[in-house]
Amino acid sequence: MALWILSFCIMAIETWGSVHFLETFMERKRTGRLDKCKYAVLYIFCFVAVCLGGYFVPMGIKVLLIVLILMAFCAVFYKAEWKQCIFFSVLNYSLLFLTDLFMMQMENMLFSQNGRVVFLILPSKMIWLCVVFTVRKIWKGRNNYGELSLREWLKFSMIPLLTMASMLHMFFCKSAEAKVQTAYLFLSVGLIFINILVIELMQGILEKEELLRESALAGQKKESQIAHYRDMQAVYERQGRKM
């Protein structure tokens, strides 16, 4: 019974954190009453996916199913194109899974296989929430994704996709050797920092693109003002010749 209560609490933390992560990068839609129950909608679908993943489908299918649920959630509740839905859904679940893998490796190194404990699950979620708040602090609301081309989106998407492939490899290729577990531990931490750096890099590109766009608009405005002054000068000259 206590394990079920812990599972419900963990899913609630994951749902709350996922919504805050996605709202960092995407603008909400006006969905009326549906917007008030978005936490419950995401909670129910993710809990069903986790239950299916625990008993009926392989782990890889479970990961794909949760990512698809997050993509559908983004499409319904946020003003985002399919590129943003895919990128931020994969990024969110990758960071969530990596923190779980990090704590799992810590658990393997600190406790024997028969003496493993479950109280490290909650610290794992706390670490993930710290990652979410760090991302929210880094991101400064630059949501003008129209400045990014499809090629740039593909380049950015490679990091979360490779992260997901790496974390699935670490999950399935478990090893009792201390060296392998230590390598997986540092790899998990490194992938978390790499994904955060990708977010910071994306923000830098968006800021530069916005500055270039503002500079171009200022240049066009200045040229139009100069043309207007020249037209006025020509009018004054014609009036002077008439007089």
Protein backbone atom coordinates (compact mmCIF):
# COMPACT_ATOMS: atom_id res chain seq x y z
CA MET A 1 0.00 0.00 0.00
CA ALA A 2 2.82 2.38 0.89
CA LEU A 3 4.49 1.63 -2.45
CA TRP A 4 1.30 2.58 -4.33
CA ILE A 5 1.02 5.85 -2.40
CA LEU A 6 4.67 6.59 -3.20
CA SER A 7 4.00 5.86 -6.89
CA PHE A 8 1.05 8.27 -6.94
CA CYS A 9 3.16 10.99 -5.30
CA ILE A 10 6.02 10.45 -7.74
CA MET A 11 3.68 10.67 -10.73
CA ALA A 12 2.19 13.87 -9.32
CA ILE A 13 5.68 15.39 -9.02
CA GLU A 14 6.58 14.31 -12.55
CA THR A 15 3.34 15.76 -13.95
CA TRP A 16 3.77 19.07 -12.15
CA GLY A 17 7.40 19.36 -13.21
CA SER A 18 6.68 18.42 -16.84
CA VAL A 19 3.96 21.07 -17.14
CA HIS A 20 6.28 23.74 -15.71
CA PHE A 21 9.09 22.62 -18.01
CA LEU A 22 6.90 22.82 -21.12
CA GLU A 23 5.41 26.17 -20.09
CA THR A 24 8.94 27.57 -19.91
CA PHE A 25 9.27 27.32 -23.68
CA MET A 26 5.72 27.44 -25.06
CA GLU A 27 2.79 29.80 -24.77
CA ARG A 28 -0.52 28.51 -23.44
CA LYS A 29 -3.60 28.14 -25.57
CA ARG A 30 -6.96 29.41 -24.40
CA THR A 31 -8.70 26.08 -23.95
CA GLY A 32 -11.31 27.26 -21.45
CA ARG A 33 -12.33 24.69 -18.85
CA LEU A 34 -9.94 22.13 -20.30
CA ASP A 35 -6.99 24.27 -19.21
CA LYS A 36 -8.00 23.86 -15.56
CA CYS A 37 -7.71 20.07 -15.71
CA LYS A 38 -4.54 19.79 -17.79
CA TYR A 39 -2.59 18.43 -14.81
CA ALA A 40 -5.18 15.70 -14.33
CA VAL A 41 -5.18 14.86 -18.06
CA LEU A 42 -1.39 14.50 -18.21
CA TYR A 43 -1.34 12.62 -14.90
CA ILE A 44 -3.90 10.04 -16.03
CA PHE A 45 -2.30 9.34 -19.40
CA CYS A 46 1.25 9.14 -18.00
CA PHE A 47 0.13 6.87 -15.17
CA VAL A 48 -1.55 4.53 -17.66
CA ALA A 49 1.64 4.51 -19.76
CA VAL A 50 3.76 3.72 -16.70
CA CYS A 51 1.43 0.88 -15.68
CA LEU A 52 1.53 -0.54 -19.20
CA GLY A 53 5.30 -0.22 -19.24
CA GLY A 54 5.56 -2.07 -15.95
CA TYR A 55 3.44 -5.05 -16.90
CA PHE A 56 2.62 -5.32 -20.60
CA VAL A 57 5.03 -3.50 -22.93
CA PRO A 58 8.85 -3.28 -23.09
CA MET A 59 10.69 -0.32 -21.62
CA GLY A 60 11.52 1.15 -25.04
CA ILE A 61 7.85 1.16 -26.02
CA LYS A 62 6.98 2.79 -22.68
CA VAL A 63 9.46 5.63 -23.33
CA LEU A 64 8.08 6.17 -26.82
CA LEU A 65 4.52 6.11 -25.48
CA ILE A 66 5.23 8.76 -22.83
CA VAL A 67 7.00 10.98 -25.37
CA LEU A 68 3.98 10.69 -27.69
CA ILE A 69 1.69 11.60 -24.78
CA LEU A 70 3.80 14.69 -24.06
CA MET A 71 3.74 15.66 -27.74
CA ALA A 72 -0.05 15.36 -27.87
CA PHE A 73 -0.30 17.35 -24.64
CA CYS A 74 1.82 20.15 -26.17
CA ALA A 75 -0.28 20.17 -29.33
CA VAL A 76 -3.53 20.50 -27.35
CA PHE A 77 -2.57 22.98 -24.63
CA TYR A 78 0.20 25.13 -26.17
CA LYS A 79 0.73 27.32 -29.21
CA ALA A 80 3.52 25.30 -30.79
CA GLU A 81 4.41 23.71 -34.10
CA TRP A 82 5.20 20.03 -34.42
CA LYS A 83 8.95 20.77 -34.30
CA GLN A 84 8.69 22.38 -30.89
CA CYS A 85 6.34 19.65 -29.62
CA ILE A 86 8.81 16.91 -30.57
CA PHE A 87 11.93 18.72 -29.36
CA PHE A 88 10.71 19.82 -25.94
CA SER A 89 8.83 16.57 -25.24
CA VAL A 90 11.95 14.50 -25.91
CA LEU A 91 14.10 16.97 -23.98
CA ASN A 92 11.80 16.92 -20.96
CA TYR A 93 11.62 13.14 -20.70
CA SER A 94 15.34 12.76 -21.38
CA LEU A 95 16.22 14.99 -18.43
CA LEU A 96 13.67 13.18 -16.25
CA PHE A 97 15.02 9.75 -17.18
CA LEU A 98 18.65 10.85 -16.77
CA THR A 99 18.08 11.97 -13.18
CA ASP A 100 16.45 8.60 -12.47
CA LEU A 101 19.45 6.82 -14.01
CA PHE A 102 21.82 8.95 -11.97
CA MET A 103 20.14 7.97 -8.71
CA MET A 104 19.88 4.35 -9.85
CA GLN A 105 23.65 4.24 -10.40
CA MET A 106 24.18 5.85 -7.01
CA GLU A 107 21.92 3.22 -5.49
CA ASN A 108 23.82 0.41 -7.21
CA MET A 109 27.13 1.74 -5.96
CA LEU A 110 26.00 2.41 -2.38
CA PHE A 111 23.84 -0.64 -1.74
CA SER A 112 24.05 -4.29 -2.60
CA GLN A 113 21.64 -5.81 -5.09
CA ASN A 114 19.66 -7.49 -2.31
CA GLY A 115 19.65 -4.48 -0.05
CA ARG A 116 18.44 -1.85 -2.45
CA VAL A 117 16.08 0.75 -1.07
CA VAL A 118 13.38 2.92 -2.60
CA PHE A 119 13.85 6.10 -0.58
CA LEU A 120 16.25 7.41 -3.26
CA ILE A 121 13.33 7.81 -5.69
CA LEU A 122 12.12 11.04 -4.10
CA PRO A 123 15.61 12.62 -4.11
CA SER A 124 15.77 11.74 -7.79
CA LYS A 125 12.60 13.74 -8.44
CA MET A 126 13.95 16.61 -6.33
CA ILE A 127 17.09 16.68 -8.47
CA TRP A 128 14.95 16.74 -11.60
CA LEU A 129 12.89 19.64 -10.22
CA CYS A 130 16.15 21.49 -9.55
CA VAL A 131 17.07 20.90 -13.21
CA VAL A 132 13.65 22.25 -14.27
CA PHE A 133 14.07 25.39 -12.15
CA THR A 134 17.59 25.85 -13.50
CA VAL A 135 16.26 25.69 -17.05
CA ARG A 136 13.50 28.17 -16.19
CA LYS A 137 16.13 30.54 -14.77
CA ILE A 138 18.30 30.23 -17.88
CA TRP A 139 15.46 30.70 -20.36
CA LYS A 140 14.36 34.34 -20.63
CA GLY A 141 11.16 33.98 -22.57
CA ARG A 142 12.63 34.03 -26.09
CA ASN A 143 9.80 32.07 -27.72
CA ASN A 144 10.07 33.46 -31.26
CA TYR A 145 10.97 30.09 -32.79
CA GLY A 146 10.14 31.30 -36.30
CA GLU A 147 13.71 32.60 -36.47
CA LEU A 148 15.03 29.00 -36.46
CA SER A 149 15.11 27.09 -39.72
CA LEU A 150 14.24 23.42 -40.11
CA ARG A 151 17.94 22.56 -40.44
CA GLU A 152 18.68 24.29 -37.13
CA TRP A 153 15.83 22.39 -35.46
CA LEU A 154 17.25 19.12 -36.77
CA LYS A 155 20.69 20.00 -35.40
CA PHE A 156 19.28 20.84 -31.98
CA SER A 157 17.14 17.70 -31.94
CA MET A 158 20.15 15.46 -32.38
CA ILE A 159 21.28 16.04 -28.78
CA PRO A 160 18.00 14.95 -27.07
CA LEU A 161 17.65 11.99 -29.44
CA LEU A 162 21.22 10.84 -28.79
CA THR A 163 20.59 11.38 -25.09
CA MET A 164 17.54 9.14 -25.22
CA ALA A 165 19.46 6.45 -27.10
CA SER A 166 22.30 6.64 -24.53
CA MET A 167 20.00 6.43 -21.53
CA LEU A 168 18.18 3.41 -22.98
CA HIS A 169 21.55 1.78 -23.57
CA MET A 170 22.59 2.46 -19.97
CA PHE A 171 19.26 1.14 -18.68
CA PHE A 172 19.32 -2.13 -20.62
CA CYS A 173 23.08 -2.79 -20.49
CA LYS A 174 23.40 -2.96 -16.75
CA SER A 175 26.62 -4.17 -15.21
CA ALA A 176 27.75 -5.09 -11.73
CA GLU A 177 31.29 -3.82 -12.36
CA ALA A 178 32.18 -0.72 -10.38
CA LYS A 179 34.02 0.87 -13.32
CA VAL A 180 31.02 0.55 -15.63
CA GLN A 181 28.66 1.94 -12.99
CA THR A 182 30.99 4.87 -12.37
CA ALA A 183 31.19 5.54 -16.12
CA TYR A 184 27.39 5.47 -16.39
CA LEU A 185 27.16 7.83 -13.42
CA PHE A 186 29.44 10.44 -15.00
CA LEU A 187 27.78 9.93 -18.39
CA SER A 188 24.35 10.67 -16.88
CA VAL A 189 25.60 13.87 -15.27
CA GLY A 190 27.42 14.88 -18.47
CA LEU A 191 24.33 14.37 -20.62
CA ILE A 192 22.24 16.49 -18.24
CA PHE A 193 24.72 19.37 -18.52
CA ILE A 194 24.96 18.96 -22.31
CA ASN A 195 21.20 19.26 -22.70
CA ILE A 196 21.16 22.36 -20.48
CA LEU A 197 23.93 23.84 -22.64
CA VAL A 198 21.84 23.12 -25.74
CA ILE A 199 19.01 25.14 -24.21
CA GLU A 200 21.39 28.01 -23.46
CA LEU A 201 22.81 27.81 -26.99
CA MET A 202 19.31 27.95 -28.47
CA GLN A 203 18.52 31.01 -26.40
CA GLY A 204 21.72 32.70 -27.57
CA ILE A 205 20.85 32.05 -31.21
CA LEU A 206 17.31 33.38 -30.73
CA GLU A 207 18.66 36.51 -29.03
CA LYS A 208 21.13 37.15 -31.87
CA GLU A 209 18.44 36.59 -34.48
CA GLU A 210 16.14 39.01 -32.69
CA LEU A 211 18.90 41.62 -32.48
CA LEU A 212 19.61 41.22 -36.20
CA ARG A 213 15.92 41.55 -36.98
CA GLU A 214 15.61 44.68 -34.83
CA SER A 215 18.74 46.10 -36.47
CA ALA A 216 17.32 45.40 -39.93
CA LEU A 217 14.01 47.05 -38.98
CA ALA A 218 15.87 50.05 -37.58
CA GLY A 219 17.89 50.30 -40.81
CA GLN A 220 14.72 50.14 -42.92
CA LYS A 221 13.10 52.80 -40.75
CA LYS A 222 16.14 55.03 -41.08
CA GLU A 223 16.20 54.60 -44.87
CA SER A 224 12.49 55.43 -45.09
CA GLN A 225 13.03 58.56 -43.00
CA ILE A 226 15.94 59.64 -45.22
CA ALA A 227 13.80 59.05 -48.32
CA HIS A 228 11.01 61.09 -46.72
CA TYR A 229 13.39 63.97 -45.96
CA ARG A 230 14.69 63.88 -49.55
CA ASP A 231 11.14 64.01 -50.89
CA MET A 232 10.36 66.97 -48.62
CA GLN A 233 13.56 68.69 -49.75
CA ALA A 234 12.59 68.16 -53.39
CA VAL A 235 9.15 69.64 -52.70
CA TYR A 236 10.71 72.68 -51.02
CA GLU A 237 13.10 73.16 -53.93
CA ARG A 238 10.24 73.05 -56.45
CA GLN A 239 8.25 75.52 -54.39
CA GLY A 240 11.32 77.78 -54.17
CA ARG A 241 11.77 77.73 -57.96
CA LYS A 242 8.08 78.56 -58.46
CA MET A 243 8.31 81.47 -56.07
